[in-house]
PDB file of N, CA and C in Angstrom:
ATOM      1  N   MET A   1    -155.097 -94.031 -74.290  1.00  0.00           N
ATOM      2  CA  MET A   1    -156.084 -94.267 -75.321  1.00  0.00           C
ATOM      3  C   MET A   1    -157.381 -94.740 -74.654  1.00  0.00           C
ATOM      4  N   PRO A   2    -158.499 -94.216 -75.110  1.00  0.00           N
ATOM      5  CA  PRO A   2    -159.781 -94.596 -74.511  1.00  0.00           C
ATOM      6  C   PRO A   2    -160.324 -95.919 -75.043  1.00  0.00           C
ATOM      7  N   THR A   3    -161.228 -96.491 -74.283  1.00  0.00           N
ATOM      8  CA  THR A   3    -161.955 -97.686 -74.691  1.00  0.00           C
ATOM      9  C   THR A   3    -163.365 -97.263 -75.061  1.00  0.00           C
ATOM     10  N   TYR A   4    -163.784 -97.596 -76.264  1.00  0.00           N
ATOM     11  CA  TYR A   4    -165.120 -97.232 -76.745  1.00  0.00           C
ATOM     12  C   TYR A   4    -166.015 -98.461 -76.729  1.00  0.00           C
ATOM     13  N   GLU A   5    -167.290 -98.255 -76.431  1.00  0.00           N
ATOM     14  CA  GLU A   5    -168.251 -99.350 -76.430  1.00  0.00           C
ATOM     15  C   GLU A   5    -169.182 -99.189 -77.625  1.00  0.00           C
ATOM     16  N   TYR A   6    -169.444-100.285 -78.298  1.00  0.00           N
ATOM     17  CA  TYR A   6    -170.289-100.291 -79.489  1.00  0.00           C
ATOM     18  C   TYR A   6    -171.425-101.296 -79.309  1.00  0.00           C
ATOM     19  N   LYS A   7    -172.550-101.028 -79.997  1.00  0.00           N
ATOM     20  CA  LYS A   7    -173.686-101.948 -79.979  1.00  0.00           C
ATOM     21  C   LYS A   7    -174.221-102.086 -81.393  1.00  0.00           C
ATOM     22  N   CYS A   8    -174.429-103.330 -81.803  1.00  0.00           N
ATOM     23  CA  CYS A   8    -174.966-103.604 -83.131  1.00  0.00           C
ATOM     24  C   CYS A   8    -176.441-103.231 -83.162  1.00  0.00           C
ATOM     25  N   GLN A   9    -176.852-102.550 -84.215  1.00  0.00           N
ATOM     26  CA  GLN A   9    -178.242-102.132 -84.356  1.00  0.00           C
ATOM     27  C   GLN A   9    -179.130-103.272 -84.849  1.00  0.00           C
ATOM     28  N   THR A  10    -178.521-104.372 -85.323  1.00  0.00           N
ATOM     29  CA  THR A  10    -179.294-105.506 -85.829  1.00  0.00           C
ATOM     30  C   THR A  10    -179.398-106.634 -84.809  1.00  0.00           C
ATOM     31  N   CYS A  11    -178.254-107.150 -84.369  1.00  0.00           N
ATOM     32  CA  CYS A  11    -178.265-108.313 -83.470  1.00  0.00           C
ATOM     33  C   CYS A  11    -178.154-107.947 -81.994  1.00  0.00           C
ATOM     34  N   GLY A  12    -177.805-106.703 -81.683  1.00  0.00           N
ATOM     35  CA  GLY A  12    -177.711-106.257 -80.299  1.00  0.00           C
ATOM     36  C   GLY A  12    -176.405-106.604 -79.603  1.00  0.00           C
ATOM     37  N   HIS A  13    -175.467-107.194 -80.326  1.00  0.00           N
ATOM     38  CA  HIS A  13    -174.161-107.550 -79.752  1.00  0.00           C
ATOM     39  C   HIS A  13    -173.426-106.284 -79.302  1.00  0.00           C
ATOM     40  N   THR A  14    -172.898-106.299 -78.076  1.00  0.00           N
ATOM     41  CA  THR A  14    -172.103-105.167 -77.587  1.00  0.00           C
ATOM     42  C   THR A  14    -170.659-105.612 -77.428  1.00  0.00           C
ATOM     43  N   PHE A  15    -169.744-104.704 -77.709  1.00  0.00           N
ATOM     44  CA  PHE A  15    -168.327-104.995 -77.567  1.00  0.00           C
ATOM     45  C   PHE A  15    -167.579-103.699 -77.323  1.00  0.00           C
ATOM     46  N   GLU A  16    -166.375-103.831 -76.765  1.00  0.00           N
ATOM     47  CA  GLU A  16    -165.526-102.683 -76.500  1.00  0.00           C
ATOM     48  C   GLU A  16    -164.329-102.712 -77.435  1.00  0.00           C
ATOM     49  N   LYS A  17    -163.859-101.527 -77.782  1.00  0.00           N
ATOM     50  CA  LYS A  17    -162.694-101.415 -78.670  1.00  0.00           C
ATOM     51  C   LYS A  17    -161.749-100.379 -78.081  1.00  0.00           C
ATOM     52  N   PHE A  18    -160.524-100.783 -77.807  1.00  0.00           N
ATOM     53  CA  PHE A  18    -159.479 -99.909 -77.304  1.00  0.00           C
ATOM     54  C   PHE A  18    -158.794 -99.289 -78.505  1.00  0.00           C
ATOM     55  N   GLN A  19    -158.992 -97.977 -78.704  1.00  0.00           N
ATOM     56  CA  GLN A  19    -158.440 -97.343 -79.888  1.00  0.00           C
ATOM     57  C   GLN A  19    -158.052 -95.899 -79.609  1.00  0.00           C
ATOM     58  N   ASN A  20    -157.181 -95.393 -80.455  1.00  0.00           N
ATOM     59  CA  ASN A  20    -156.732 -94.015 -80.355  1.00  0.00           C
ATOM     60  C   ASN A  20    -157.904 -93.074 -80.603  1.00  0.00           C
ATOM     61  N   ILE A  21    -157.879 -91.922 -79.987  1.00  0.00           N
ATOM     62  CA  ILE A  21    -158.962 -90.948 -80.133  1.00  0.00           C
ATOM     63  C   ILE A  21    -159.067 -90.434 -81.574  1.00  0.00           C
ATOM     64  N   LYS A  22    -157.975 -90.530 -82.320  1.00  0.00           N
ATOM     65  CA  LYS A  22    -157.973 -90.058 -83.709  1.00  0.00           C
ATOM     66  C   LYS A  22    -158.430 -91.135 -84.703  1.00  0.00           C
ATOM     67  N   ASP A  23    -158.549 -92.378 -84.238  1.00  0.00           N
ATOM     68  CA  ASP A  23    -158.986 -93.461 -85.115  1.00  0.00           C
ATOM     69  C   ASP A  23    -160.448 -93.288 -85.516  1.00  0.00           C
ATOM     70  N   LYS A  24    -160.790 -93.813 -86.696  1.00  0.00           N
ATOM     71  CA  LYS A  24    -162.185 -93.787 -87.138  1.00  0.00           C
ATOM     72  C   LYS A  24    -163.004 -94.747 -86.287  1.00  0.00           C
ATOM     73  N   PRO A  25    -164.254 -94.386 -85.959  1.00  0.00           N
ATOM     74  CA  PRO A  25    -165.099 -95.307 -85.176  1.00  0.00           C
ATOM     75  C   PRO A  25    -165.363 -96.604 -85.946  1.00  0.00           C
ATOM     76  N   VAL A  26    -165.567 -97.684 -85.210  1.00  0.00           N
ATOM     77  CA  VAL A  26    -165.914 -98.965 -85.821  1.00  0.00           C
ATOM     78  C   VAL A  26    -167.289 -98.808 -86.459  1.00  0.00           C
ATOM     79  N   SER A  27    -167.478 -99.368 -87.646  1.00  0.00           N
ATOM     80  CA  SER A  27    -168.756 -99.204 -88.334  1.00  0.00           C
ATOM     81  C   SER A  27    -169.517-100.513 -88.510  1.00  0.00           C
ATOM     82  N   LYS A  28    -168.832-101.658 -88.387  1.00  0.00           N
ATOM     83  CA  LYS A  28    -169.468-102.961 -88.625  1.00  0.00           C
ATOM     84  C   LYS A  28    -169.383-103.839 -87.385  1.00  0.00           C
ATOM     85  N   CYS A  29    -170.438-104.606 -87.151  1.00  0.00           N
ATOM     86  CA  CYS A  29    -170.496-105.554 -86.036  1.00  0.00           C
ATOM     87  C   CYS A  29    -169.490-106.677 -86.254  1.00  0.00           C
ATOM     88  N   LEU A  30    -168.844-107.101 -85.170  1.00  0.00           N
ATOM     89  CA  LEU A  30    -167.867-108.177 -85.260  1.00  0.00           C
ATOM     90  C   LEU A  30    -168.525-109.538 -85.481  1.00  0.00           C
ATOM     91  N   LYS A  31    -169.815-109.676 -85.130  1.00  0.00           N
ATOM     92  CA  LYS A  31    -170.518-110.954 -85.284  1.00  0.00           C
ATOM     93  C   LYS A  31    -171.282-111.061 -86.601  1.00  0.00           C
ATOM     94  N   CYS A  32    -172.118-110.031 -86.908  1.00  0.00           N
ATOM     95  CA  CYS A  32    -173.010-110.153 -88.070  1.00  0.00           C
ATOM     96  C   CYS A  32    -172.659-109.196 -89.210  1.00  0.00           C
ATOM     97  N   ASN A  33    -171.663-108.356 -89.001  1.00  0.00           N
ATOM     98  CA  ASN A  33    -171.177-107.434 -90.033  1.00  0.00           C
ATOM     99  C   ASN A  33    -172.190-106.342 -90.405  1.00  0.00           C
ATOM    100  N   HIS A  34    -173.164-106.065 -89.526  1.00  0.00           N
ATOM    101  CA  HIS A  34    -174.115-104.979 -89.755  1.00  0.00           C
ATOM    102  C   HIS A  34    -173.654-103.719 -89.029  1.00  0.00           C
ATOM    103  N   LYS A  35    -174.395-102.638 -89.204  1.00  0.00           N
ATOM    104  CA  LYS A  35    -174.029-101.330 -88.671  1.00  0.00           C
ATOM    105  C   LYS A  35    -174.066-101.309 -87.141  1.00  0.00           C
ATOM    106  N   VAL A  36    -173.053-100.654 -86.536  1.00  0.00           N
ATOM    107  CA  VAL A  36    -172.993-100.493 -85.086  1.00  0.00           C
ATOM    108  C   VAL A  36    -173.106 -99.026 -84.707  1.00  0.00           C
ATOM    109  N   GLN A  37    -173.474 -98.798 -83.464  1.00  0.00           N
ATOM    110  CA  GLN A  37    -173.577 -97.445 -82.916  1.00  0.00           C
ATOM    111  C   GLN A  37    -172.616 -97.355 -81.738  1.00  0.00           C
ATOM    112  N   ARG A  38    -171.829 -96.277 -81.682  1.00  0.00           N
ATOM    113  CA  ARG A  38    -170.940 -96.077 -80.535  1.00  0.00           C
ATOM    114  C   ARG A  38    -171.756 -95.547 -79.378  1.00  0.00           C
ATOM    115  N   LEU A  39    -171.608 -96.175 -78.211  1.00  0.00           N
ATOM    116  CA  LEU A  39    -172.368 -95.787 -77.036  1.00  0.00           C
ATOM    117  C   LEU A  39    -171.597 -94.772 -76.207  1.00  0.00           C
ATOM    118  N   ILE A  40    -172.310 -94.035 -75.408  1.00  0.00           N
ATOM    119  CA  ILE A  40    -171.672 -93.089 -74.501  1.00  0.00           C
ATOM    120  C   ILE A  40    -171.151 -93.886 -73.321  1.00  0.00           C
ATOM    121  N   GLY A  41    -169.860 -93.826 -73.098  1.00  0.00           N
ATOM    122  CA  GLY A  41    -169.240 -94.610 -72.042  1.00  0.00           C
ATOM    123  C   GLY A  41    -169.225 -93.886 -70.712  1.00  0.00           C
ATOM    124  N   ALA A  42    -168.847 -94.652 -69.704  1.00  0.00           N
ATOM    125  CA  ALA A  42    -168.760 -94.090 -68.356  1.00  0.00           C
ATOM    126  C   ALA A  42    -167.542 -93.201 -68.210  1.00  0.00           C
ATOM    127  N   GLY A  43    -166.576 -93.348 -69.083  1.00  0.00           N
ATOM    128  CA  GLY A  43    -165.393 -92.516 -68.998  1.00  0.00           C
ATOM    129  C   GLY A  43    -164.350 -93.092 -68.068  1.00  0.00           C
ATOM    130  N   ALA A  44    -163.301 -92.346 -67.879  1.00  0.00           N
ATOM    131  CA  ALA A  44    -162.210 -92.783 -67.044  1.00  0.00           C
ATOM    132  C   ALA A  44    -162.378 -92.261 -65.639  1.00  0.00           C
ATOM    133  N   GLY A  45    -161.594 -92.801 -64.743  1.00  0.00           N
ATOM    134  CA  GLY A  45    -161.606 -92.327 -63.370  1.00  0.00           C
ATOM    135  C   GLY A  45    -161.062 -90.912 -63.277  1.00  0.00           C
ATOM    136  N   VAL A  46    -161.492 -90.191 -62.279  1.00  0.00           N
ATOM    137  CA  VAL A  46    -161.068 -88.817 -62.088  1.00  0.00           C
ATOM    138  C   VAL A  46    -159.877 -88.792 -61.148  1.00  0.00           C
ATOM    139  N   ILE A  47    -158.856 -88.042 -61.519  1.00  0.00           N
ATOM    140  CA  ILE A  47    -157.680 -87.872 -60.674  1.00  0.00           C
ATOM    141  C   ILE A  47    -157.629 -86.429 -60.238  1.00  0.00           C
ATOM    142  N   PHE A  48    -157.683 -86.203 -58.929  1.00  0.00           N
ATOM    143  CA  PHE A  48    -157.607 -84.852 -58.388  1.00  0.00           C
ATOM    144  C   PHE A  48    -156.151 -84.537 -58.097  1.00  0.00           C
ATOM    145  N   ARG A  49    -155.670 -83.460 -58.660  1.00  0.00           N
ATOM    146  CA  ARG A  49    -154.288 -83.051 -58.430  1.00  0.00           C
ATOM    147  C   ARG A  49    -154.277 -81.754 -57.628  1.00  0.00           C
ATOM    148  N   ASN A  50    -153.253 -81.598 -56.808  1.00  0.00           N
ATOM    149  CA  ASN A  50    -153.079 -80.402 -55.977  1.00  0.00           C
ATOM    150  C   ASN A  50    -154.255 -80.186 -55.047  1.00  0.00           C
ATOM    151  N   SER A  51    -154.855 -81.265 -54.587  1.00  0.00           N
ATOM    152  CA  SER A  51    -155.973 -81.163 -53.666  1.00  0.00           C
ATOM    153  C   SER A  51    -155.441 -80.989 -52.255  1.00  0.00           C
ATOM    154  N   LYS A  52    -156.094 -80.178 -51.466  1.00  0.00           N
ATOM    155  CA  LYS A  52    -155.664 -79.944 -50.090  1.00  0.00           C
ATOM    156  C   LYS A  52    -156.091 -81.067 -49.172  1.00  0.00           C
ATOM    157  N   ALA A  53    -157.154 -81.771 -49.502  1.00  0.00           N
ATOM    158  CA  ALA A  53    -157.626 -82.881 -48.668  1.00  0.00           C
ATOM    159  C   ALA A  53    -156.849 -84.138 -49.002  1.00  0.00           C
ATOM    160  N   ASP A  54    -156.499 -84.909 -48.002  1.00  0.00           N
ATOM    161  CA  ASP A  54    -155.776 -86.153 -48.198  1.00  0.00           C
ATOM    162  C   ASP A  54    -156.764 -87.301 -48.084  1.00  0.00           C
ATOM    163  N   TYR A  55    -157.210 -87.830 -49.219  1.00  0.00           N
ATOM    164  CA  TYR A  55    -158.195 -88.893 -49.219  1.00  0.00           C
ATOM    165  C   TYR A  55    -157.573 -90.268 -49.011  1.00  0.00           C
ATOM    166  N   SER A  56    -156.257 -90.361 -49.030  1.00  0.00           N
ATOM    167  CA  SER A  56    -155.601 -91.646 -48.842  1.00  0.00           C
ATOM    168  C   SER A  56    -155.590 -92.075 -47.377  1.00  0.00           C
ATOM    169  N   ALA A  57    -155.970 -91.197 -46.472  1.00  0.00           N
ATOM    170  CA  ALA A  57    -155.922 -91.498 -45.044  1.00  0.00           C
ATOM    171  C   ALA A  57    -157.128 -92.303 -44.581  1.00  0.00           C
ATOM    172  N   GLY A  58    -158.053 -92.650 -45.475  1.00  0.00           N
ATOM    173  CA  GLY A  58    -159.162 -93.496 -45.115  1.00  0.00           C
ATOM    174  C   GLY A  58    -160.316 -92.774 -44.466  1.00  0.00           C
ATOM    175  N   GLY A  59    -160.763 -91.681 -45.017  1.00  0.00           N
ATOM    176  CA  GLY A  59    -161.954 -91.017 -44.531  1.00  0.00           C
ATOM    177  C   GLY A  59    -161.704 -89.879 -43.563  1.00  0.00           C
ATOM    178  N   THR A  60    -160.472 -89.559 -43.290  1.00  0.00           N
ATOM    179  CA  THR A  60    -160.226 -88.431 -42.402  1.00  0.00           C
ATOM    180  C   THR A  60    -160.287 -87.140 -43.186  1.00  0.00           C
ATOM    181  N   THR A  61    -160.396 -86.049 -42.485  1.00  0.00           N
ATOM    182  CA  THR A  61    -160.503 -84.747 -43.126  1.00  0.00           C
ATOM    183  C   THR A  61    -159.139 -84.086 -43.224  1.00  0.00           C
ATOM    184  N   SER A  62    -159.089 -82.890 -43.797  1.00  0.00           N
ATOM    185  CA  SER A  62    -157.817 -82.212 -43.963  1.00  0.00           C
ATOM    186  C   SER A  62    -157.210 -81.796 -42.631  1.00  0.00           C
ATOM    187  N   CYS A  63    -158.021 -81.735 -41.577  1.00  0.00           N
ATOM    188  CA  CYS A  63    -157.454 -81.394 -40.266  1.00  0.00           C
ATOM    189  C   CYS A  63    -157.210 -82.656 -39.428  1.00  0.00           C
ATOM    190  N   ASN A  64    -157.169 -83.820 -40.105  1.00  0.00           N
ATOM    191  CA  ASN A  64    -156.823 -85.099 -39.495  1.00  0.00           C
ATOM    192  C   ASN A  64    -157.725 -85.512 -38.334  1.00  0.00           C
ATOM    193  N   ARG A  65    -158.994 -85.256 -38.445  1.00  0.00           N
ATOM    194  CA  ARG A  65    -159.977 -85.694 -37.458  1.00  0.00           C
ATOM    195  C   ARG A  65    -161.146 -86.326 -38.185  1.00  0.00           C
ATOM    196  N   GLU A  66    -161.929 -87.116 -37.484  1.00  0.00           N
ATOM    197  CA  GLU A  66    -163.098 -87.739 -38.098  1.00  0.00           C
ATOM    198  C   GLU A  66    -164.111 -86.687 -38.533  1.00  0.00           C
ATOM    199  N   THR A  67    -164.275 -85.638 -37.744  1.00  0.00           N
ATOM    200  CA  THR A  67    -165.115 -84.503 -38.123  1.00  0.00           C
ATOM    201  C   THR A  67    -164.251 -83.262 -38.060  1.00  0.00           C
ATOM    202  N   PRO A  68    -164.449 -82.312 -38.932  1.00  0.00           N
ATOM    203  CA  PRO A  68    -163.623 -81.103 -38.927  1.00  0.00           C
ATOM    204  C   PRO A  68    -163.694 -80.372 -37.586  1.00  0.00           C
ATOM    205  N   CYS A  69    -162.594 -79.709 -37.251  1.00  0.00           N
ATOM    206  CA  CYS A  69    -162.506 -79.007 -35.980  1.00  0.00           C
ATOM    207  C   CYS A  69    -163.499 -77.845 -35.888  1.00  0.00           C
ATOM    208  N   CYS A  70    -163.967 -77.350 -37.032  1.00  0.00           N
ATOM    209  CA  CYS A  70    -164.912 -76.240 -37.011  1.00  0.00           C
ATOM    210  C   CYS A  70    -166.356 -76.722 -36.877  1.00  0.00           C
ATOM    211  N   GLY A  71    -166.575 -78.066 -36.879  1.00  0.00           N
ATOM    212  CA  GLY A  71    -167.903 -78.620 -36.701  1.00  0.00           C
ATOM    213  C   GLY A  71    -168.722 -78.737 -37.967  1.00  0.00           C
ATOM    214  N   ARG A  72    -168.148 -78.397 -39.107  1.00  0.00           N
ATOM    215  CA  ARG A  72    -168.879 -78.505 -40.369  1.00  0.00           C
ATOM    216  C   ARG A  72    -168.996 -79.955 -40.790  1.00  0.00           C
ATOM    217  N   ASP A  73    -169.872 -80.220 -41.749  1.00  0.00           N
ATOM    218  CA  ASP A  73    -170.047 -81.575 -42.263  1.00  0.00           C
ATOM    219  C   ASP A  73    -169.028 -81.929 -43.337  1.00  0.00           C
ATOM    220  N   VAL A  74    -168.349 -80.932 -43.884  1.00  0.00           N
ATOM    221  CA  VAL A  74    -167.368 -81.173 -44.937  1.00  0.00           C
ATOM    222  C   VAL A  74    -165.994 -80.723 -44.456  1.00  0.00           C
ATOM    223  N   PRO A  75    -164.923 -81.308 -45.000  1.00  0.00           N
ATOM    224  CA  PRO A  75    -163.576 -80.917 -44.578  1.00  0.00           C
ATOM    225  C   PRO A  75    -163.306 -79.439 -44.818  1.00  0.00           C
ATOM    226  N   CYS A  76    -162.537 -78.851 -43.915  1.00  0.00           N
ATOM    227  CA  CYS A  76    -162.179 -77.433 -44.076  1.00  0.00           C
ATOM    228  C   CYS A  76    -160.734 -77.346 -44.567  1.00  0.00           C
ATOM    229  N   ASP A  77    -160.339 -76.162 -44.990  1.00  0.00           N
ATOM    230  CA  ASP A  77    -158.986 -75.955 -45.504  1.00  0.00           C
ATOM    231  C   ASP A  77    -158.022 -75.487 -44.442  1.00  0.00           C
ATOM    232  N   LYS A  78    -158.484 -75.324 -43.213  1.00  0.00           N
ATOM    233  CA  LYS A  78    -157.649 -74.799 -42.154  1.00  0.00           C
ATOM    234  C   LYS A  78    -157.017 -75.924 -41.350  1.00  0.00           C
ATOM    235  N   ARG A  79    -155.905 -75.633 -40.710  1.00  0.00           N
ATOM    236  CA  ARG A  79    -155.244 -76.603 -39.845  1.00  0.00           C
ATOM    237  C   ARG A  79    -156.093 -76.787 -38.578  1.00  0.00           C
ATOM    238  N   PRO A  80    -155.841 -77.844 -37.816  1.00  0.00           N
ATOM    239  CA  PRO A  80    -156.678 -78.133 -36.627  1.00  0.00           C
ATOM    240  C   PRO A  80    -156.811 -76.943 -35.690  1.00  0.00           C
ATOM    241  N   CYS A  81    -158.034 -76.711 -35.306  1.00  0.00           N
ATOM    242  CA  CYS A  81    -158.413 -75.727 -34.288  1.00  0.00           C
ATOM    243  C   CYS A  81    -158.113 -74.282 -34.665  1.00  0.00           C
ATOM    244  N   GLU A  82    -157.833 -73.981 -35.916  1.00  0.00           N
ATOM    245  CA  GLU A  82    -157.698 -72.590 -36.349  1.00  0.00           C
ATOM    246  C   GLU A  82    -159.061 -72.068 -36.700  1.00  0.00           C
ATOM    247  N   SER A  83    -159.328 -70.855 -36.395  1.00  0.00           N
ATOM    248  CA  SER A  83    -160.634 -70.256 -36.713  1.00  0.00           C
ATOM    249  C   SER A  83    -160.538 -69.302 -37.862  1.00  0.00           C
TER     250      SER A  83
END
């Protein structure tokens, strides 16, 4: 379930609400009971699945070297020293 952020249009109070995506948005401020606006949130973290690069190794590339064996600035998909 996502966390939504709201801001009161009258008093400026901001608050977050953890709610189901199907729930109706909050319409009243928790402090002054006036109208609130739902803000655009930062969203959730991104999870990469089935990625060839192993980012858990602490900055190494897919060919397990500090810089790729082909000399590029970005990791390559090939095993070490393959052309």
